[in-house]
Amino acid sequence: MKTSSLRRRHIVAASLVAAGLGLAGPALAQAPLVIKFSHVVANDTPKGKASDFFAKRAGELTGGKVKVEVYANSTLYKDKEEMEALQIGAVQMLAPSLAKFGPLGAREFEVFDLPFIFDNTAELHAVTTGPVGKQLFSKLETRGITGLAYWDNGFKSFSANKPLKTADDFKGLKMRIQSSKVLESQMRAVGALPQVMAFSEVYQALQTGVVDGTENPHSNLFTQKMHEVQKHMTVSDHGYLGYAVITNKKFWDGLPADIRTALEKAMAEATVFANKIALEENEGALAKVKASGKTQVYVPTPAERLALKKAMVKVHKEMESRIGKDVIDSVYKATGFDPSKL
């Protein structure tokens, strides 16, 4: 949707609301504040469930003064137009993937794409709930966006039609990735051929051999039935996929202090819920993949994972000029990672 069209829709909607308020007068004085929360996935996903949880708690903690309307599955705005809709105030909240901030000019968020930047969830959360996470959110303020929370999707595993146990096993394989310069470098680091492709096209591409393999959190791999067209899967936990819950800065700053405080509490609770659900669903999906018998699941030994990490960690250095050495170093400090000791 073009910018002018999107803005026109917002202006017309605002005019109708204003007209309604004029007609109703004092009758609407106690009407709840409506927050439109738009996202692009189904209700029955960790992000979808967490969004609904937040909506429920927001209403409860504000005593009904706030009503959060959740629009799932791109019913309000599509993937490519929702960020602009937030910036112009046509919608108040979103939960895009972290990869969406690079195109906005905030390339610092691509630090989350770096392979083996986090070894476990504790290290990840030391970043997302600590000073580094806040520092990254501050990069969005000049773009009219306030960051509220980071929600997990999960750690990624590799899959292919051959076993992937060493870096050499990747050589020459066409590996699907989402659009990311970091992920392109990750695949090239082990001799694979990165193939940027829309998520909706991956199953058929794997089925027909257009690509040889891919990377996904377990829940994505299972729900999209990729395990039916991949013979092997390696539980590498090499990369992270997550979301940022964001809001229109002008809208957020203009809220009464008591309402904002209640919404912050609702978001904190929803974040705990979101991360718990993501972990449970990924563990459940992995168990279902194993039970299907269609994909051989391999868990690398500590030595094998370390060898793969050594092969890919050079990408961190390659991406310093793009992401920012200071940002990468701040993550190292938060997690205790020292690449020189590998």
Protein backbone atom coordinates (compact mmCIF):
# COMPACT_ATOMS: atom_id res chain seq x y z
CA MET A 1 0.00 0.00 0.00
CA LYS A 2 1.39 3.44 -0.94
CA THR A 3 2.18 6.00 1.76
CA SER A 4 -0.48 8.46 0.56
CA SER A 5 -3.14 5.74 0.57
CA LEU A 6 -2.21 4.58 4.06
CA ARG A 7 -2.21 8.12 5.41
CA ARG A 8 -5.56 8.84 3.74
CA ARG A 9 -7.11 5.77 5.40
CA HIS A 10 -5.80 6.94 8.78
CA ILE A 11 -7.11 10.52 8.33
CA VAL A 12 -10.57 9.31 7.30
CA ALA A 13 -10.73 6.94 10.28
CA ALA A 14 -9.63 9.72 12.65
CA SER A 15 -12.27 12.05 11.20
CA LEU A 16 -15.00 9.49 11.75
CA VAL A 17 -13.90 8.99 15.35
CA ALA A 18 -13.89 12.75 15.93
CA ALA A 19 -17.36 13.08 14.39
CA GLY A 20 -18.62 10.29 16.60
CA LEU A 21 -17.24 11.99 19.68
CA GLY A 22 -18.92 15.26 18.68
CA LEU A 23 -22.29 13.59 18.33
CA ALA A 24 -22.07 11.59 21.49
CA GLY A 25 -20.75 14.39 23.72
CA PRO A 26 -20.36 13.48 27.41
CA ALA A 27 -21.86 10.04 26.84
CA LEU A 28 -18.49 8.81 25.62
CA ALA A 29 -16.47 10.48 28.37
CA GLN A 30 -15.98 7.17 30.17
CA ALA A 31 -15.40 5.11 27.04
CA PRO A 32 -12.24 2.98 27.29
CA LEU A 33 -9.05 3.97 25.54
CA VAL A 34 -8.71 1.67 22.53
CA ILE A 35 -5.27 0.35 21.60
CA LYS A 36 -4.99 -1.41 18.26
CA PHE A 37 -2.38 -4.18 18.41
CA SER A 38 -1.63 -5.57 14.94
CA HIS A 39 0.48 -8.61 14.10
CA VAL A 40 0.96 -10.89 11.10
CA VAL A 41 0.76 -14.42 12.56
CA ALA A 42 -2.10 -16.67 13.63
CA ASN A 43 -3.76 -16.49 17.04
CA ASP A 44 -2.60 -20.02 17.84
CA THR A 45 1.11 -19.17 17.95
CA PRO A 46 3.31 -18.03 20.86
CA LYS A 47 3.14 -14.43 19.63
CA GLY A 48 -0.60 -14.65 19.01
CA LYS A 49 -1.28 -16.15 22.44
CA ALA A 50 0.94 -13.60 24.16
CA SER A 51 -0.80 -10.71 22.39
CA ASP A 52 -4.18 -11.96 23.60
CA PHE A 53 -2.77 -12.43 27.11
CA PHE A 54 -1.54 -8.82 27.12
CA ALA A 55 -4.93 -7.56 25.94
CA LYS A 56 -6.68 -9.40 28.77
CA ARG A 57 -4.28 -8.19 31.46
CA ALA A 58 -4.30 -4.62 30.16
CA GLY A 59 -8.05 -4.50 30.61
CA GLU A 60 -7.86 -6.03 34.08
CA LEU A 61 -4.99 -3.92 35.41
CA THR A 62 -6.52 -0.64 34.19
CA GLY A 63 -9.94 -1.49 35.56
CA GLY A 64 -11.45 -1.45 32.09
CA LYS A 65 -10.02 1.98 31.20
CA VAL A 66 -8.06 0.41 28.33
CA LYS A 67 -9.33 -1.95 25.67
CA VAL A 68 -6.67 -3.64 23.55
CA GLU A 69 -8.00 -4.84 20.20
CA VAL A 70 -5.72 -7.52 18.72
CA TYR A 71 -5.72 -7.88 14.94
CA ALA A 72 -3.97 -11.15 14.04
CA ASN A 73 -3.00 -12.69 10.69
CA SER A 74 -2.46 -9.34 8.91
CA THR A 75 -6.19 -8.55 9.12
CA LEU A 76 -5.46 -4.87 9.76
CA TYR A 77 -2.10 -4.29 8.08
CA LYS A 78 0.18 -6.54 6.07
CA ASP A 79 3.79 -7.30 6.85
CA LYS A 80 5.23 -4.57 4.64
CA GLU A 81 2.86 -1.77 5.67
CA GLU A 82 2.44 -2.24 9.42
CA MET A 83 5.60 -0.31 10.42
CA GLU A 84 4.49 2.80 8.56
CA ALA A 85 1.00 2.41 10.03
CA LEU A 86 2.56 2.52 13.51
CA GLN A 87 4.70 5.55 12.73
CA ILE A 88 1.74 7.62 11.51
CA GLY A 89 -0.46 6.50 14.40
CA ALA A 90 -2.94 4.38 12.46
CA VAL A 91 -2.16 1.51 14.86
CA GLN A 92 -0.66 1.77 18.34
CA MET A 93 1.23 -1.50 18.86
CA LEU A 94 3.07 -4.12 16.79
CA ALA A 95 5.27 -7.16 17.45
CA PRO A 96 7.51 -7.49 14.36
CA SER A 97 10.48 -9.83 14.08
CA LEU A 98 13.80 -8.24 15.00
CA ALA A 99 14.90 -8.51 11.37
CA LYS A 100 12.39 -5.78 10.47
CA PHE A 101 14.47 -2.98 12.02
CA GLY A 102 17.42 -3.19 9.62
CA PRO A 103 15.38 -1.71 6.73
CA LEU A 104 14.40 1.16 9.06
CA GLY A 105 18.08 2.01 9.37
CA ALA A 106 18.54 0.44 12.81
CA ARG A 107 21.09 -2.18 11.74
CA GLU A 108 22.19 -2.64 15.34
CA PHE A 109 19.31 -5.10 15.74
CA GLU A 110 21.05 -7.46 13.31
CA VAL A 111 23.28 -8.45 16.24
CA PHE A 112 20.52 -10.96 17.06
CA ASP A 113 21.16 -12.70 13.70
CA LEU A 114 24.82 -13.41 14.44
CA PRO A 115 25.53 -17.17 14.66
CA PHE A 116 26.37 -18.50 18.12
CA ILE A 117 26.14 -15.05 19.73
CA PHE A 118 24.08 -16.71 22.50
CA ASP A 119 24.79 -20.16 23.91
CA ASN A 120 21.57 -20.44 25.90
CA THR A 121 18.42 -18.64 26.99
CA ALA A 122 20.07 -17.20 30.11
CA GLU A 123 22.65 -15.38 27.96
CA LEU A 124 19.94 -14.18 25.59
CA HIS A 125 17.79 -12.77 28.37
CA ALA A 126 20.83 -11.07 29.95
CA VAL A 127 20.80 -8.99 26.77
CA THR A 128 17.07 -8.56 26.07
CA THR A 129 16.11 -7.69 29.66
CA GLY A 130 19.26 -5.74 30.47
CA PRO A 131 21.00 -2.47 29.50
CA VAL A 132 21.87 -3.69 25.99
CA GLY A 133 18.23 -4.35 25.16
CA LYS A 134 17.30 -0.85 26.34
CA GLN A 135 20.20 0.66 24.40
CA LEU A 136 18.96 -1.00 21.21
CA PHE A 137 15.41 0.22 21.79
CA SER A 138 16.75 3.77 22.18
CA LYS A 139 17.81 3.59 18.50
CA LEU A 140 14.11 3.55 17.56
CA GLU A 141 13.10 6.71 19.42
CA THR A 142 14.13 9.10 16.62
CA ARG A 143 11.90 7.08 14.29
CA GLY A 144 8.82 7.72 16.42
CA ILE A 145 8.91 4.24 17.99
CA THR A 146 9.17 3.13 21.62
CA GLY A 147 10.29 -0.42 22.39
CA LEU A 148 8.38 -2.18 25.15
CA ALA A 149 9.62 -5.80 25.30
CA TYR A 150 11.43 -8.62 23.52
CA TRP A 151 9.48 -11.84 22.97
CA ASP A 152 11.18 -15.14 22.13
CA ASN A 153 10.38 -17.33 19.17
CA GLY A 154 13.25 -19.71 19.77
CA PHE A 155 16.67 -20.99 18.82
CA LYS A 156 17.19 -22.40 15.35
CA SER A 157 18.22 -25.83 14.11
CA PHE A 158 19.57 -26.77 10.69
CA SER A 159 17.77 -29.25 8.45
CA ALA A 160 18.73 -30.85 5.13
CA ASN A 161 18.50 -34.08 3.16
CA LYS A 162 21.92 -35.15 4.42
CA PRO A 163 23.41 -35.23 7.93
CA LEU A 164 24.89 -31.91 9.06
CA LYS A 165 27.47 -32.73 11.72
CA THR A 166 30.50 -30.73 10.62
CA ALA A 167 31.14 -27.50 8.73
CA ASP A 168 32.26 -29.55 5.72
CA ASP A 169 28.80 -31.11 5.49
CA PHE A 170 27.33 -27.74 4.42
CA LYS A 171 29.60 -27.25 1.41
CA GLY A 172 27.66 -26.68 -1.81
CA LEU A 173 24.23 -26.98 -0.18
CA LYS A 174 21.57 -24.46 -1.19
CA MET A 175 20.32 -23.26 2.20
CA ARG A 176 17.21 -21.10 2.49
CA ILE A 177 17.44 -18.03 4.71
CA GLN A 178 15.27 -15.02 5.44
CA SER A 179 16.57 -11.77 3.97
CA SER A 180 19.64 -10.88 6.03
CA LYS A 181 23.23 -9.94 5.16
CA VAL A 182 24.31 -11.56 8.41
CA LEU A 183 22.66 -14.89 7.56
CA GLU A 184 24.16 -14.77 4.06
CA SER A 185 27.62 -14.51 5.64
CA GLN A 186 26.76 -17.26 8.11
CA MET A 187 25.99 -19.73 5.32
CA ARG A 188 28.99 -18.73 3.25
CA ALA A 189 31.25 -19.24 6.27
CA VAL A 190 30.64 -23.00 5.97
CA GLY A 191 30.61 -23.12 2.17
CA ALA A 192 26.83 -23.22 1.75
CA LEU A 193 24.94 -21.22 -0.89
CA PRO A 194 22.44 -18.87 0.81
CA GLN A 195 19.04 -18.64 -0.88
CA VAL A 196 16.75 -15.79 0.23
CA MET A 197 13.15 -16.96 0.02
CA ALA A 198 9.75 -16.04 1.47
CA PHE A 199 8.76 -18.27 4.38
CA SER A 200 5.54 -19.31 2.64
CA GLU A 201 7.52 -20.78 -0.28
CA VAL A 202 9.96 -22.89 1.73
CA TYR A 203 8.01 -26.16 2.01
CA GLN A 204 7.53 -26.49 -1.74
CA ALA A 205 11.14 -25.46 -2.41
CA LEU A 206 12.38 -28.18 -0.06
CA GLN A 207 9.97 -30.71 -1.53
CA THR A 208 11.06 -30.04 -5.12
CA GLY A 209 14.76 -29.66 -4.39
CA VAL A 210 14.95 -25.98 -5.29
CA VAL A 211 16.78 -25.67 -1.97
CA ASP A 212 18.53 -28.43 -0.02
CA GLY A 213 17.94 -27.25 3.52
CA THR A 214 17.10 -24.43 5.87
CA GLU A 215 17.18 -23.21 9.48
CA ASN A 216 14.23 -22.80 11.81
CA PRO A 217 13.06 -22.91 15.41
CA HIS A 218 11.47 -26.34 15.93
CA SER A 219 7.92 -24.97 16.11
CA ASN A 220 8.27 -23.35 12.67
CA LEU A 221 9.75 -26.49 11.14
CA PHE A 222 7.00 -28.72 12.55
CA THR A 223 3.95 -26.51 11.97
CA GLN A 224 5.02 -25.90 8.36
CA LYS A 225 5.56 -29.67 7.93
CA MET A 226 9.12 -29.19 6.74
CA HIS A 227 10.12 -32.33 8.63
CA GLU A 228 8.12 -34.27 6.02
CA VAL A 229 10.46 -33.10 3.26
CA GLN A 230 13.77 -33.05 5.17
CA LYS A 231 15.56 -36.29 6.05
CA HIS A 232 17.92 -34.86 8.65
CA MET A 233 17.85 -32.21 11.36
CA THR A 234 20.66 -31.01 13.63
CA VAL A 235 19.72 -29.44 16.97
CA SER A 236 22.43 -26.81 16.70
CA ASP A 237 20.82 -23.88 18.56
CA HIS A 238 23.12 -21.72 16.48
CA GLY A 239 20.90 -18.70 16.02
CA TYR A 240 17.97 -16.87 17.54
CA LEU A 241 14.60 -15.69 16.25
CA GLY A 242 12.62 -13.18 18.27
CA TYR A 243 10.20 -10.28 18.22
CA ALA A 244 10.08 -6.77 19.63
CA VAL A 245 6.83 -5.36 20.96
CA ILE A 246 6.78 -1.71 19.95
CA THR A 247 4.44 1.24 20.22
CA ASN A 248 3.96 4.68 18.68
CA LYS A 249 6.18 6.98 20.79
CA LYS A 250 3.86 10.01 20.68
CA PHE A 251 0.91 7.86 21.73
CA TRP A 252 2.85 6.17 24.57
CA ASP A 253 4.33 9.40 25.93
CA GLY A 254 0.88 10.97 25.93
CA LEU A 255 -0.71 8.34 28.17
CA PRO A 256 -1.60 9.22 31.78
CA ALA A 257 1.14 7.96 34.11
CA ASP A 258 -1.13 5.50 35.94
CA ILE A 259 -2.33 3.95 32.67
CA ARG A 260 1.21 3.64 31.33
CA THR A 261 2.38 2.00 34.56
CA ALA A 262 -0.46 -0.54 34.41
CA LEU A 263 0.30 -1.31 30.76
CA GLU A 264 4.00 -1.78 31.57
CA LYS A 265 3.00 -4.34 34.22
CA ALA A 266 0.70 -6.11 31.76
CA MET A 267 3.54 -6.20 29.20
CA ALA A 268 6.00 -7.59 31.77
CA GLU A 269 3.57 -10.40 32.58
CA ALA A 270 2.87 -11.03 28.89
CA THR A 271 6.61 -11.28 28.20
CA VAL A 272 7.07 -13.99 30.83
CA PHE A 273 4.07 -15.78 29.32
CA ALA A 274 5.34 -15.37 25.74
CA ASN A 275 8.79 -16.76 26.49
CA LYS A 276 7.39 -19.69 28.47
CA ILE A 277 4.97 -20.61 25.67
CA ALA A 278 7.71 -20.34 23.02
CA LEU A 279 9.98 -22.69 24.98
CA GLU A 280 7.19 -25.21 25.59
CA GLU A 281 6.04 -25.21 21.98
CA ASN A 282 9.55 -25.64 20.61
CA GLU A 283 10.22 -28.55 22.95
CA GLY A 284 6.87 -30.08 22.03
CA ALA A 285 7.52 -29.63 18.32
CA LEU A 286 10.91 -31.32 18.58
CA ALA A 287 9.32 -34.29 20.32
CA LYS A 288 6.69 -34.53 17.56
CA VAL A 289 9.35 -34.36 14.84
CA LYS A 290 11.21 -37.24 16.51
CA ALA A 291 8.00 -39.23 16.92
CA SER A 292 7.08 -38.80 13.25
CA GLY A 293 10.07 -40.88 12.19
CA LYS A 294 10.29 -38.82 8.98
CA THR A 295 13.36 -36.85 10.00
CA GLN A 296 16.44 -38.14 11.76
CA VAL A 297 17.19 -35.78 14.62
CA TYR A 298 20.82 -35.40 15.61
CA VAL A 299 22.12 -33.62 18.71
CA PRO A 300 25.77 -32.57 18.25
CA THR A 301 28.33 -33.43 20.89
CA PRO A 302 29.83 -30.43 22.74
CA ALA A 303 32.99 -30.85 20.62
CA GLU A 304 31.00 -30.90 17.35
CA ARG A 305 29.01 -27.81 18.32
CA LEU A 306 32.20 -26.00 19.29
CA ALA A 307 33.79 -26.83 15.94
CA LEU A 308 30.74 -25.45 14.11
CA LYS A 309 30.84 -22.37 16.31
CA LYS A 310 34.51 -21.79 15.46
CA ALA A 311 33.69 -22.03 11.75
CA MET A 312 30.87 -19.48 11.93
CA VAL A 313 32.01 -17.00 14.57
CA LYS A 314 34.22 -15.17 12.07
CA VAL A 315 30.97 -13.66 10.80
CA HIS A 316 30.93 -11.48 13.95
CA LYS A 317 34.10 -9.72 12.82
CA GLU A 318 32.86 -9.42 9.23
CA MET A 319 29.68 -7.67 10.41
CA GLU A 320 31.32 -5.14 12.75
CA SER A 321 31.16 -2.33 10.18
CA ARG A 322 27.49 -3.08 9.49
CA ILE A 323 26.13 -3.69 13.01
CA GLY A 324 28.66 -1.70 15.04
CA LYS A 325 31.62 -3.09 16.95
CA ASP A 326 30.41 -1.36 20.10
CA VAL A 327 27.05 -3.16 19.91
CA ILE A 328 28.67 -6.58 19.40
CA ASP A 329 31.15 -5.92 22.23
CA SER A 330 28.30 -4.89 24.56
CA VAL A 331 26.61 -8.24 23.89
CA TYR A 332 29.90 -10.07 24.55
CA LYS A 333 30.20 -8.24 27.88
CA ALA A 334 26.62 -9.10 28.87
CA THR A 335 27.01 -12.80 28.02
CA GLY A 336 30.64 -13.33 28.98
CA PHE A 337 31.58 -14.50 25.47
CA ASP A 338 35.21 -14.06 24.39
CA PRO A 339 35.76 -15.18 20.77
CA SER A 340 39.54 -15.03 21.21
CA LYS A 341 39.32 -18.01 23.57
CA LEU A 342 37.66 -20.32 21.05
